[in-house]
């Protein structure tokens, strides 16, 4: 009797492993594993622990400007290609506050933070220039993802080598440039950019 129970338990365990394996293989085969992992990581974002500490950054920035008005200047030489194949550059956005995010469709943390960036874009798109720079080898994947999600954000592919200032070992990485052309923020990793404190920080950069 005991042996039968043990055998039944083993069978159930193997069946469960088999189901998990099939689900995992299906997700990888369809490419949905990235979105599933990204969705799970949104729970981490909800804690706010990954967000840039813009309050401290604002204080440091104010102190630096008081002591030495010359802040680190952003590199505007980066060339961009938009979803329609038109070429432009960061130079065309000079004078505006710029939110530039490096992302890819294969990157779960990028997928996790995307809804918050979409919300920020919808609320501040008239005040801030958004550059969603796809690092996908095939730019069509990024365009298809944006369309499927209904984001309609300004997505670009790099049309030149990345300047050293923007060569990050992490993805996603977000850069914020103020209206005076200074690099105001570099944040490596995912974050919730729909946070009210971050919006206030963006408004302070005009």
N, C-alpha and C. Protein backbone atom coordinates (compact mmCIF):
# COMPACT_ATOMS: atom_id res chain seq x y z
N UNK A 1 0.84 -1.21 0.00
CA UNK A 1 0.00 0.00 0.00
C UNK A 1 0.87 1.26 0.00
N UNK A 2 1.88 1.22 0.88
CA UNK A 2 2.78 2.36 0.99
C UNK A 2 3.56 2.56 -0.30
N UNK A 3 3.98 1.41 -0.91
CA UNK A 3 4.72 1.48 -2.17
C UNK A 3 3.88 2.07 -3.29
N UNK A 4 2.56 1.72 -3.27
CA UNK A 4 1.64 2.26 -4.29
C UNK A 4 1.53 3.77 -4.17
N UNK A 5 1.43 4.28 -2.93
CA UNK A 5 1.34 5.72 -2.69
C UNK A 5 2.61 6.42 -3.16
N UNK A 6 3.74 5.80 -2.85
CA UNK A 6 5.02 6.38 -3.27
C UNK A 6 5.11 6.46 -4.78
N UNK A 7 4.68 5.36 -5.44
CA UNK A 7 4.70 5.33 -6.91
C UNK A 7 3.78 6.39 -7.49
N UNK A 8 2.58 6.52 -6.88
CA UNK A 8 1.62 7.53 -7.35
C UNK A 8 2.17 8.94 -7.20
N UNK A 9 2.82 9.18 -6.06
CA UNK A 9 3.42 10.50 -5.81
C UNK A 9 4.52 10.80 -6.83
N UNK A 10 5.31 9.78 -7.15
CA UNK A 10 6.38 9.96 -8.14
C UNK A 10 5.78 10.29 -9.50
N UNK A 11 4.69 9.57 -9.85
CA UNK A 11 4.04 9.81 -11.13
C UNK A 11 3.51 11.24 -11.21
N UNK A 12 2.86 11.69 -10.11
CA UNK A 12 2.33 13.06 -10.07
C UNK A 12 3.44 14.09 -10.22
N UNK A 13 4.56 13.82 -9.53
CA UNK A 13 5.70 14.74 -9.61
C UNK A 13 6.23 14.82 -11.04
N UNK A 14 6.36 13.66 -11.68
CA UNK A 14 6.88 13.65 -13.05
C UNK A 14 5.90 14.31 -14.02
N UNK A 15 4.61 14.13 -13.77
CA UNK A 15 3.59 14.78 -14.61
C UNK A 15 3.68 16.30 -14.46
N UNK A 16 3.85 16.75 -13.21
CA UNK A 16 3.98 18.20 -12.96
C UNK A 16 5.22 18.76 -13.64
N UNK A 17 6.35 18.03 -13.51
CA UNK A 17 7.58 18.46 -14.20
C UNK A 17 7.36 18.53 -15.70
N UNK A 18 6.65 17.52 -16.20
CA UNK A 18 6.38 17.47 -17.64
C UNK A 18 5.55 18.66 -18.10
N UNK A 19 4.53 19.01 -17.31
CA UNK A 19 3.67 20.15 -17.64
C UNK A 19 4.49 21.44 -17.63
N UNK A 20 5.31 21.62 -16.57
CA UNK A 20 6.16 22.82 -16.47
C UNK A 20 7.11 22.91 -17.66
N UNK A 21 7.68 21.75 -18.04
CA UNK A 21 8.62 21.73 -19.16
C UNK A 21 7.93 22.12 -20.46
N UNK A 22 6.72 21.60 -20.66
CA UNK A 22 5.96 21.92 -21.88
C UNK A 22 5.62 23.40 -21.93
N UNK A 23 5.17 23.95 -20.77
CA UNK A 23 4.84 25.37 -20.70
C UNK A 23 6.08 26.22 -20.98
N UNK A 24 7.20 25.85 -20.34
CA UNK A 24 8.44 26.61 -20.53
C UNK A 24 8.89 26.58 -21.98
N UNK A 25 8.86 25.39 -22.59
CA UNK A 25 9.27 25.25 -23.99
C UNK A 25 8.35 26.04 -24.92
N UNK A 26 7.06 26.03 -24.61
CA UNK A 26 6.08 26.77 -25.43
C UNK A 26 6.36 28.27 -25.35
N UNK A 27 6.62 28.76 -24.13
CA UNK A 27 6.91 30.18 -23.95
C UNK A 27 8.17 30.59 -24.70
N UNK A 28 9.20 29.74 -24.62
CA UNK A 28 10.44 30.08 -25.33
C UNK A 28 10.26 29.99 -26.84
N UNK A 29 9.50 28.97 -27.29
CA UNK A 29 9.30 28.79 -28.73
C UNK A 29 8.51 29.95 -29.33
N UNK A 30 7.56 30.48 -28.56
CA UNK A 30 6.73 31.58 -29.07
C UNK A 30 7.31 32.94 -28.75
N UNK A 31 8.38 32.98 -27.95
CA UNK A 31 9.01 34.25 -27.59
C UNK A 31 8.28 34.98 -26.48
N UNK A 32 7.30 34.31 -25.87
CA UNK A 32 6.51 34.97 -24.82
C UNK A 32 7.18 34.95 -23.45
N UNK A 33 8.28 34.17 -23.33
CA UNK A 33 8.94 34.07 -22.02
C UNK A 33 9.43 35.43 -21.54
N UNK A 34 9.87 36.28 -22.46
CA UNK A 34 10.36 37.61 -22.09
C UNK A 34 9.25 38.43 -21.43
N UNK A 35 8.05 38.38 -22.03
CA UNK A 35 6.94 39.15 -21.49
C UNK A 35 6.44 38.58 -20.17
N UNK A 36 6.47 37.26 -20.04
CA UNK A 36 6.04 36.63 -18.77
C UNK A 36 6.99 37.02 -17.64
N UNK A 37 8.29 36.96 -17.92
CA UNK A 37 9.28 37.35 -16.91
C UNK A 37 9.15 38.84 -16.60
N UNK A 38 8.96 39.63 -17.67
CA UNK A 38 8.79 41.07 -17.49
C UNK A 38 7.58 41.39 -16.64
N UNK A 39 6.49 40.66 -16.88
CA UNK A 39 5.27 40.87 -16.09
C UNK A 39 5.54 40.57 -14.61
N UNK A 40 6.27 39.48 -14.35
CA UNK A 40 6.60 39.12 -12.97
C UNK A 40 7.47 40.19 -12.31
N UNK A 41 8.37 40.80 -13.08
CA UNK A 41 9.27 41.80 -12.52
C UNK A 41 8.56 43.12 -12.20
N UNK A 42 7.36 43.31 -12.74
CA UNK A 42 6.61 44.52 -12.41
C UNK A 42 6.24 44.55 -10.93
N UNK A 43 6.16 43.37 -10.32
CA UNK A 43 5.91 43.31 -8.88
C UNK A 43 7.05 43.94 -8.10
N UNK A 44 8.28 43.75 -8.60
CA UNK A 44 9.45 44.38 -7.97
C UNK A 44 9.39 45.89 -8.16
N UNK A 45 9.01 46.32 -9.36
CA UNK A 45 8.92 47.76 -9.65
C UNK A 45 7.91 48.45 -8.73
N UNK A 46 6.84 47.72 -8.40
CA UNK A 46 5.78 48.30 -7.58
C UNK A 46 6.28 48.71 -6.19
N UNK A 47 7.39 48.11 -5.75
CA UNK A 47 7.94 48.46 -4.43
C UNK A 47 8.64 49.82 -4.45
N UNK A 48 9.05 50.27 -5.64
CA UNK A 48 9.75 51.54 -5.76
C UNK A 48 11.23 51.45 -5.42
N UNK A 49 11.71 50.26 -5.07
CA UNK A 49 13.10 50.11 -4.66
C UNK A 49 14.09 50.32 -5.81
N UNK A 50 13.61 50.11 -7.04
CA UNK A 50 14.49 50.21 -8.20
C UNK A 50 14.53 51.63 -8.77
N UNK A 51 13.69 52.53 -8.26
CA UNK A 51 13.58 53.86 -8.84
C UNK A 51 14.81 54.73 -8.53
N UNK A 52 15.18 55.61 -9.45
CA UNK A 52 16.29 56.54 -9.15
C UNK A 52 15.88 57.48 -8.03
N UNK A 53 16.83 57.80 -7.15
CA UNK A 53 16.54 58.69 -6.03
C UNK A 53 16.62 60.14 -6.50
N UNK A 54 15.54 60.60 -7.14
CA UNK A 54 15.57 61.92 -7.76
C UNK A 54 15.59 63.05 -6.72
N UNK A 55 15.11 62.77 -5.52
CA UNK A 55 15.12 63.81 -4.48
C UNK A 55 16.56 64.17 -4.12
N UNK A 56 17.38 63.13 -3.87
CA UNK A 56 18.79 63.37 -3.56
C UNK A 56 19.53 63.94 -4.76
N UNK A 57 19.16 63.44 -5.94
CA UNK A 57 19.83 63.92 -7.15
C UNK A 57 19.56 65.40 -7.39
N UNK A 58 18.33 65.81 -7.11
CA UNK A 58 17.97 67.22 -7.29
C UNK A 58 18.80 68.09 -6.35
N UNK A 59 18.98 67.62 -5.11
CA UNK A 59 19.77 68.38 -4.14
C UNK A 59 21.23 68.47 -4.57
N UNK A 60 21.78 67.34 -5.02
CA UNK A 60 23.17 67.32 -5.49
C UNK A 60 23.32 68.24 -6.69
N UNK A 61 22.36 68.17 -7.59
CA UNK A 61 22.40 69.00 -8.79
C UNK A 61 22.40 70.50 -8.44
N UNK A 62 21.54 70.88 -7.49
CA UNK A 62 21.47 72.27 -7.06
C UNK A 62 22.78 72.72 -6.41
N UNK A 63 23.38 71.82 -5.63
CA UNK A 63 24.66 72.13 -4.98
C UNK A 63 25.77 72.31 -6.02
N UNK A 64 25.76 71.41 -7.03
CA UNK A 64 26.78 71.48 -8.08
C UNK A 64 26.65 72.77 -8.89
N UNK A 65 25.42 73.16 -9.16
CA UNK A 65 25.19 74.38 -9.95
C UNK A 65 25.59 75.62 -9.16
N UNK A 66 25.41 75.55 -7.86
CA UNK A 66 25.80 76.69 -7.02
C UNK A 66 27.32 76.81 -6.93
N UNK A 67 27.99 75.65 -6.86
CA UNK A 67 29.44 75.66 -6.72
C UNK A 67 30.16 75.81 -8.06
N UNK A 68 29.65 75.11 -9.08
CA UNK A 68 30.28 75.15 -10.41
C UNK A 68 29.18 75.04 -11.46
N UNK A 69 28.84 76.14 -12.08
CA UNK A 69 27.74 76.16 -13.05
C UNK A 69 27.91 75.19 -14.22
N UNK A 70 29.15 74.74 -14.50
CA UNK A 70 29.39 73.85 -15.63
C UNK A 70 29.10 72.40 -15.25
N UNK A 71 27.95 71.88 -15.65
CA UNK A 71 27.60 70.49 -15.43
C UNK A 71 28.06 69.67 -16.64
N UNK A 72 27.99 68.34 -16.52
CA UNK A 72 28.42 67.48 -17.63
C UNK A 72 27.48 67.64 -18.82
N UNK A 73 28.04 68.01 -19.94
CA UNK A 73 27.24 68.23 -21.14
C UNK A 73 26.92 66.90 -21.82
N UNK A 74 25.70 66.79 -22.32
CA UNK A 74 25.29 65.60 -23.04
C UNK A 74 25.90 65.62 -24.44
N UNK A 75 26.09 64.44 -25.01
CA UNK A 75 26.62 64.31 -26.37
C UNK A 75 25.42 64.24 -27.32
N UNK A 76 25.28 65.23 -28.18
CA UNK A 76 24.14 65.30 -29.09
C UNK A 76 24.47 64.75 -30.49
N UNK A 77 25.63 64.10 -30.62
CA UNK A 77 26.05 63.62 -31.94
C UNK A 77 25.38 62.31 -32.36
N UNK A 78 24.65 61.68 -31.43
CA UNK A 78 24.02 60.40 -31.72
C UNK A 78 23.00 60.53 -32.85
N UNK A 79 23.19 59.74 -33.91
CA UNK A 79 22.26 59.73 -35.05
C UNK A 79 21.18 58.68 -34.79
N UNK A 80 19.97 58.99 -35.23
CA UNK A 80 18.81 58.13 -34.98
C UNK A 80 18.04 57.87 -36.26
N UNK A 81 17.39 56.69 -36.31
CA UNK A 81 16.46 56.39 -37.40
C UNK A 81 15.10 56.11 -36.80
N UNK A 82 14.07 56.82 -37.25
CA UNK A 82 12.74 56.61 -36.68
C UNK A 82 12.04 55.43 -37.34
N UNK A 83 10.82 55.13 -36.90
CA UNK A 83 10.09 53.95 -37.38
C UNK A 83 9.79 54.00 -38.88
N UNK A 84 9.82 55.20 -39.47
CA UNK A 84 9.55 55.34 -40.90
C UNK A 84 10.82 55.37 -41.75
N UNK A 85 11.96 55.17 -41.08
CA UNK A 85 13.22 55.16 -41.81
C UNK A 85 13.86 56.51 -41.99
N UNK A 86 13.27 57.54 -41.39
CA UNK A 86 13.83 58.89 -41.49
C UNK A 86 15.01 59.04 -40.53
N UNK A 87 16.06 59.73 -40.98
CA UNK A 87 17.24 59.95 -40.14
C UNK A 87 17.15 61.29 -39.42
N UNK A 88 17.54 61.28 -38.17
CA UNK A 88 17.58 62.51 -37.36
C UNK A 88 18.69 62.33 -36.34
N UNK A 89 18.77 63.19 -35.37
CA UNK A 89 19.80 63.06 -34.32
C UNK A 89 19.30 63.73 -33.05
N UNK A 90 20.02 63.48 -31.98
CA UNK A 90 19.69 64.14 -30.71
C UNK A 90 19.78 65.66 -30.86
N UNK A 91 20.65 66.10 -31.76
CA UNK A 91 20.84 67.54 -32.00
C UNK A 91 19.52 68.23 -32.32
N UNK A 92 18.63 67.52 -33.01
CA UNK A 92 17.34 68.09 -33.41
C UNK A 92 16.44 68.34 -32.20
N UNK A 93 16.77 67.71 -31.08
CA UNK A 93 15.95 67.84 -29.87
C UNK A 93 16.57 68.80 -28.85
N UNK A 94 17.69 69.37 -29.22
CA UNK A 94 18.40 70.26 -28.29
C UNK A 94 17.49 71.41 -27.86
N UNK A 95 17.55 71.75 -26.59
CA UNK A 95 16.70 72.81 -26.04
C UNK A 95 15.48 72.26 -25.32
N UNK A 96 15.25 70.94 -25.49
CA UNK A 96 14.13 70.29 -24.80
C UNK A 96 14.67 69.37 -23.72
N UNK A 97 13.82 69.04 -22.75
CA UNK A 97 14.16 67.98 -21.81
C UNK A 97 13.99 66.67 -22.57
N UNK A 98 15.00 65.80 -22.50
CA UNK A 98 14.97 64.55 -23.27
C UNK A 98 15.01 63.36 -22.32
N UNK A 99 14.08 62.45 -22.54
CA UNK A 99 14.04 61.16 -21.83
C UNK A 99 14.47 60.11 -22.85
N UNK A 100 15.65 59.53 -22.67
CA UNK A 100 16.17 58.56 -23.63
C UNK A 100 16.37 57.21 -22.94
N UNK A 101 15.69 56.20 -23.45
CA UNK A 101 15.70 54.88 -22.84
C UNK A 101 16.25 53.86 -23.84
N UNK A 102 17.29 53.11 -23.42
CA UNK A 102 17.85 52.03 -24.24
C UNK A 102 17.16 50.73 -23.84
N UNK A 103 16.54 50.06 -24.80
CA UNK A 103 15.75 48.87 -24.49
C UNK A 103 15.83 47.87 -25.64
N UNK A 104 15.24 46.69 -25.43
CA UNK A 104 15.14 45.69 -26.48
C UNK A 104 13.97 44.76 -26.17
N UNK A 105 13.41 44.15 -27.20
CA UNK A 105 12.25 43.28 -27.01
C UNK A 105 12.62 41.98 -26.29
N UNK A 106 13.93 41.61 -26.29
CA UNK A 106 14.36 40.38 -25.65
C UNK A 106 14.75 40.59 -24.18
N UNK A 107 14.55 41.78 -23.67
CA UNK A 107 15.01 42.15 -22.33
C UNK A 107 13.83 42.24 -21.35
N UNK A 108 13.66 41.25 -20.45
CA UNK A 108 12.52 41.28 -19.51
C UNK A 108 12.40 42.54 -18.67
N UNK A 109 13.51 43.08 -18.09
CA UNK A 109 13.36 44.31 -17.30
C UNK A 109 12.87 45.49 -18.16
N UNK A 110 13.26 45.49 -19.44
CA UNK A 110 12.78 46.55 -20.35
C UNK A 110 11.27 46.45 -20.51
N UNK A 111 10.81 45.22 -20.69
CA UNK A 111 9.37 44.98 -20.86
C UNK A 111 8.63 45.35 -19.59
N UNK A 112 9.26 45.06 -18.43
CA UNK A 112 8.63 45.33 -17.14
C UNK A 112 8.37 46.82 -16.92
N UNK A 113 9.34 47.67 -17.32
CA UNK A 113 9.20 49.10 -17.05
C UNK A 113 8.43 49.85 -18.15
N UNK A 114 8.20 49.17 -19.28
CA UNK A 114 7.60 49.84 -20.43
C UNK A 114 6.23 50.48 -20.15
N UNK A 115 5.33 49.82 -19.41
CA UNK A 115 4.04 50.47 -19.12
C UNK A 115 4.19 51.78 -18.37
N UNK A 116 5.17 51.86 -17.46
CA UNK A 116 5.36 53.11 -16.71
C UNK A 116 5.90 54.21 -17.62
N UNK A 117 6.75 53.83 -18.59
CA UNK A 117 7.27 54.82 -19.54
C UNK A 117 6.15 55.28 -20.47
N UNK A 118 5.31 54.33 -20.86
CA UNK A 118 4.16 54.69 -21.70
C UNK A 118 3.25 55.68 -20.98
N UNK A 119 3.02 55.44 -19.70
CA UNK A 119 2.19 56.35 -18.91
C UNK A 119 2.85 57.72 -18.81
N UNK A 120 4.17 57.74 -18.58
CA UNK A 120 4.91 59.00 -18.50
C UNK A 120 4.82 59.74 -19.84
N UNK A 121 4.95 59.00 -20.92
CA UNK A 121 4.88 59.61 -22.25
C UNK A 121 3.51 60.23 -22.51
N UNK A 122 2.47 59.53 -22.11
CA UNK A 122 1.11 60.04 -22.31
C UNK A 122 0.87 61.31 -21.50
N UNK A 123 1.48 61.38 -20.31
CA UNK A 123 1.26 62.53 -19.43
C UNK A 123 2.21 63.70 -19.74
N UNK A 124 3.42 63.39 -20.24
CA UNK A 124 4.43 64.44 -20.40
C UNK A 124 4.97 64.55 -21.82
N UNK A 125 4.36 63.85 -22.75
CA UNK A 125 4.85 63.85 -24.13
C UNK A 125 4.87 65.21 -24.78
N UNK A 126 4.04 66.14 -24.29
CA UNK A 126 4.04 67.50 -24.84
C UNK A 126 5.13 68.37 -24.21
N UNK A 127 5.64 67.94 -23.07
CA UNK A 127 6.65 68.72 -22.34
C UNK A 127 8.06 68.19 -22.54
N UNK A 128 8.14 66.89 -22.82
CA UNK A 128 9.43 66.20 -22.85
C UNK A 128 9.58 65.46 -24.18
N UNK A 129 10.80 65.46 -24.73
CA UNK A 129 11.09 64.68 -25.94
C UNK A 129 11.49 63.27 -25.52
N UNK A 130 10.81 62.28 -26.06
CA UNK A 130 11.09 60.88 -25.72
C UNK A 130 11.86 60.22 -26.86
N UNK A 131 12.91 59.50 -26.48
CA UNK A 131 13.69 58.72 -27.44
C UNK A 131 13.79 57.30 -26.89
N UNK A 132 12.98 56.41 -27.44
CA UNK A 132 13.01 55.00 -27.05
C UNK A 132 13.92 54.28 -28.04
N UNK A 133 15.18 54.09 -27.65
CA UNK A 133 16.19 53.58 -28.58
C UNK A 133 16.29 52.06 -28.50
N UNK A 134 15.79 51.40 -29.54
CA UNK A 134 15.80 49.94 -29.58
C UNK A 134 17.18 49.41 -29.92
N UNK A 135 17.64 48.42 -29.14
CA UNK A 135 18.91 47.77 -29.41
C UNK A 135 18.71 46.40 -30.04
N UNK A 136 17.50 46.14 -30.53
CA UNK A 136 17.23 44.90 -31.26
C UNK A 136 18.04 44.89 -32.56
N UNK A 137 18.54 43.73 -32.94
CA UNK A 137 19.25 43.62 -34.22
C UNK A 137 18.30 43.89 -35.38
N UNK A 138 17.05 43.47 -35.21
CA UNK A 138 16.03 43.70 -36.23
C UNK A 138 15.05 44.75 -35.70
N UNK A 139 15.10 45.95 -36.24
CA UNK A 139 14.26 47.05 -35.78
C UNK A 139 12.77 46.75 -35.97
N UNK A 140 12.45 45.87 -36.92
CA UNK A 140 11.05 45.51 -37.16
C UNK A 140 10.43 44.87 -35.92
N UNK A 141 11.23 44.15 -35.15
CA UNK A 141 10.72 43.53 -33.92
C UNK A 141 10.25 44.59 -32.93
N UNK A 142 11.02 45.65 -32.81
CA UNK A 142 10.67 46.74 -31.89
C UNK A 142 9.39 47.44 -32.35
N UNK A 143 9.30 47.68 -33.66
CA UNK A 143 8.12 48.35 -34.21
C UNK A 143 6.87 47.49 -34.01
N UNK A 144 7.01 46.18 -34.25
CA UNK A 144 5.88 45.26 -34.08
C UNK A 144 5.45 45.19 -32.62
N UNK A 145 6.43 45.17 -31.71
CA UNK A 145 6.12 45.13 -30.27
C UNK A 145 5.35 46.38 -29.85
N UNK A 146 5.84 47.54 -30.27
CA UNK A 146 5.20 48.80 -29.91
C UNK A 146 3.76 48.85 -30.43
N UNK A 147 3.57 48.37 -31.65
CA UNK A 147 2.22 48.38 -32.25
C UNK A 147 1.30 47.40 -31.53
N UNK A 148 1.83 46.19 -31.25
CA UNK A 148 1.02 45.16 -30.59
C UNK A 148 0.57 45.60 -29.20
N UNK A 149 1.44 46.33 -28.49
CA UNK A 149 1.11 46.79 -27.14
C UNK A 149 0.27 48.06 -27.16
N UNK A 150 0.17 48.71 -28.32
CA UNK A 150 -0.62 49.94 -28.41
C UNK A 150 0.03 51.12 -27.72
N UNK A 151 1.37 51.11 -27.62
CA UNK A 151 2.06 52.20 -26.94
C UNK A 151 2.17 53.46 -27.82
N UNK A 152 2.55 53.26 -29.07
CA UNK A 152 2.72 54.39 -30.00
C UNK A 152 3.73 55.41 -29.47
N UNK A 153 4.85 54.90 -28.96
CA UNK A 153 5.90 55.78 -28.45
C UNK A 153 6.91 56.09 -29.56
N UNK A 154 7.69 57.17 -29.40
CA UNK A 154 8.71 57.51 -30.39
C UNK A 154 9.89 56.54 -30.30
N UNK A 155 9.85 55.48 -31.11
CA UNK A 155 10.93 54.50 -31.06
C UNK A 155 11.91 54.74 -32.20
N UNK A 156 13.17 54.49 -31.90
CA UNK A 156 14.26 54.73 -32.85
C UNK A 156 15.24 53.56 -32.82
N UNK A 157 16.03 53.47 -33.88
CA UNK A 157 17.19 52.59 -33.91
C UNK A 157 18.43 53.47 -34.04
N UNK A 158 19.55 53.07 -33.46
CA UNK A 158 20.77 53.88 -33.62
C UNK A 158 21.22 53.88 -35.08
N UNK A 159 21.54 55.06 -35.60
CA UNK A 159 22.01 55.18 -36.98
C UNK A 159 23.49 55.56 -37.01
N UNK A 160 24.15 55.47 -35.87
CA UNK A 160 25.58 55.73 -35.76
C UNK A 160 26.09 54.97 -34.54
N UNK A 161 27.39 54.95 -34.36
CA UNK A 161 27.94 54.34 -33.15
C UNK A 161 27.50 55.13 -31.94
N UNK A 162 27.29 54.42 -30.83
CA UNK A 162 26.91 55.11 -29.60
C UNK A 162 28.10 55.90 -29.07
N UNK A 163 27.92 57.17 -28.76
CA UNK A 163 28.99 57.94 -28.11
C UNK A 163 29.39 57.27 -26.80
N UNK A 164 30.65 57.38 -26.37
CA UNK A 164 31.11 56.75 -25.13
C UNK A 164 30.19 57.05 -23.92
N UNK A 165 29.63 58.25 -23.89
CA UNK A 165 28.75 58.65 -22.78
C UNK A 165 27.55 57.72 -22.63
N UNK A 166 27.11 57.14 -23.75
CA UNK A 166 25.90 56.31 -23.74
C UNK A 166 26.19 54.82 -23.89
N UNK A 167 27.44 54.44 -23.72
CA UNK A 167 27.79 53.02 -23.81
C UNK A 167 27.68 52.39 -22.43
N UNK A 168 26.55 51.75 -22.20
CA UNK A 168 26.27 51.16 -20.89
C UNK A 168 26.37 49.64 -20.96
N UNK A 169 26.83 49.06 -19.87
CA UNK A 169 26.91 47.59 -19.78
C UNK A 169 25.57 46.99 -19.37
N UNK A 170 24.61 47.84 -19.04
CA UNK A 170 23.31 47.36 -18.56
C UNK A 170 22.21 47.74 -19.55
N UNK A 171 21.16 46.94 -19.56
CA UNK A 171 19.98 47.25 -20.31
C UNK A 171 18.77 46.80 -19.48
N UNK A 172 17.78 47.65 -19.28
CA UNK A 172 17.65 48.99 -19.82
C UNK A 172 18.57 50.00 -19.10
N UNK A 173 18.90 51.05 -19.82
CA UNK A 173 19.56 52.21 -19.23
C UNK A 173 18.81 53.45 -19.71
N UNK A 174 18.57 54.36 -18.79
CA UNK A 174 17.83 55.59 -19.12
C UNK A 174 18.71 56.81 -18.86
N UNK A 175 18.70 57.71 -19.83
CA UNK A 175 19.42 58.98 -19.71
C UNK A 175 18.40 60.12 -19.79
N UNK A 176 18.57 61.11 -18.93
CA UNK A 176 17.72 62.30 -19.00
C UNK A 176 18.64 63.51 -19.21
N UNK A 177 18.30 64.29 -20.20
CA UNK A 177 19.07 65.50 -20.55
C UNK A 177 18.20 66.71 -20.29
N UNK A 178 18.73 67.71 -19.60
CA UNK A 178 17.91 68.88 -19.29
C UNK A 178 17.86 69.84 -20.48
N UNK A 179 17.05 70.87 -20.34
CA UNK A 179 16.83 71.81 -21.44
C UNK A 179 18.08 72.60 -21.80
N UNK A 180 19.04 72.64 -20.89
CA UNK A 180 20.30 73.35 -21.15
C UNK A 180 21.36 72.44 -21.76
N UNK A 181 20.99 71.18 -22.02
CA UNK A 181 21.93 70.26 -22.65
C UNK A 181 22.84 69.52 -21.70
N UNK A 182 22.51 69.55 -20.40
CA UNK A 182 23.31 68.83 -19.41
C UNK A 182 22.75 67.43 -19.19
N UNK A 183 23.65 66.46 -18.97
CA UNK A 183 23.22 65.11 -18.62
C UNK A 183 22.78 65.12 -17.16
N UNK A 184 21.47 65.03 -16.95
CA UNK A 184 20.92 65.20 -15.60
C UNK A 184 20.74 63.88 -14.87
N UNK A 185 20.63 62.77 -15.61
CA UNK A 185 20.38 61.48 -14.97
C UNK A 185 20.88 60.34 -15.84
N UNK A 186 21.55 59.40 -15.22
CA UNK A 186 21.85 58.10 -15.85
C UNK A 186 21.37 57.04 -14.88
N UNK A 187 20.40 56.23 -15.31
CA UNK A 187 19.87 55.18 -14.43
C UNK A 187 19.98 53.84 -15.14
N UNK A 188 20.78 52.93 -14.57
CA UNK A 188 20.94 51.59 -15.14
C UNK A 188 19.99 50.63 -14.45
N UNK A 189 19.23 49.89 -15.25
CA UNK A 189 18.25 48.96 -14.70
C UNK A 189 16.85 49.52 -14.82
N UNK A 190 15.88 48.69 -14.45
CA UNK A 190 14.48 49.09 -14.61
C UNK A 190 14.04 50.03 -13.49
N UNK A 191 12.95 50.75 -13.75
CA UNK A 191 12.38 51.67 -12.76
C UNK A 191 10.93 51.94 -13.10
N UNK A 192 10.21 52.50 -12.15
CA UNK A 192 8.84 52.95 -12.38
C UNK A 192 8.91 54.45 -12.63
N UNK A 193 8.82 54.82 -13.90
CA UNK A 193 8.97 56.22 -14.27
C UNK A 193 7.65 57.00 -14.22
N UNK A 194 6.58 56.33 -13.81
CA UNK A 194 5.31 57.04 -13.65
C UNK A 194 5.16 57.62 -12.25
N UNK A 195 6.18 57.41 -11.43
CA UNK A 195 6.20 57.93 -10.06
C UNK A 195 6.12 59.46 -10.07
N UNK A 196 5.30 60.03 -9.16
CA UNK A 196 5.09 61.48 -9.12
C UNK A 196 6.38 62.25 -8.86
N UNK A 197 7.25 61.68 -8.03
CA UNK A 197 8.51 62.33 -7.73
C UNK A 197 9.37 62.46 -8.98
N UNK A 198 9.32 61.43 -9.84
CA UNK A 198 10.11 61.49 -11.06
C UNK A 198 9.54 62.54 -12.02
N UNK A 199 8.24 62.65 -12.07
CA UNK A 199 7.61 63.68 -12.93
C UNK A 199 8.01 65.08 -12.46
N UNK A 200 8.02 65.28 -11.15
CA UNK A 200 8.44 66.59 -10.62
C UNK A 200 9.89 66.87 -10.99
N UNK A 201 10.73 65.82 -10.92
CA UNK A 201 12.14 65.96 -11.30
C UNK A 201 12.26 66.37 -12.77
N UNK A 202 11.47 65.75 -13.63
CA UNK A 202 11.51 66.07 -15.07
C UNK A 202 11.10 67.53 -15.30
N UNK A 203 10.08 67.97 -14.59
CA UNK A 203 9.59 69.35 -14.76
C UNK A 203 10.63 70.36 -14.29
N UNK A 204 11.45 69.96 -13.33
CA UNK A 204 12.47 70.87 -12.79
C UNK A 204 13.62 71.11 -13.77
N UNK A 205 13.67 70.32 -14.83
CA UNK A 205 14.79 70.38 -15.77
C UNK A 205 14.55 71.32 -16.95
N UNK A 206 13.39 71.95 -17.00
CA UNK A 206 13.08 72.83 -18.13
C UNK A 206 13.90 74.11 -18.09
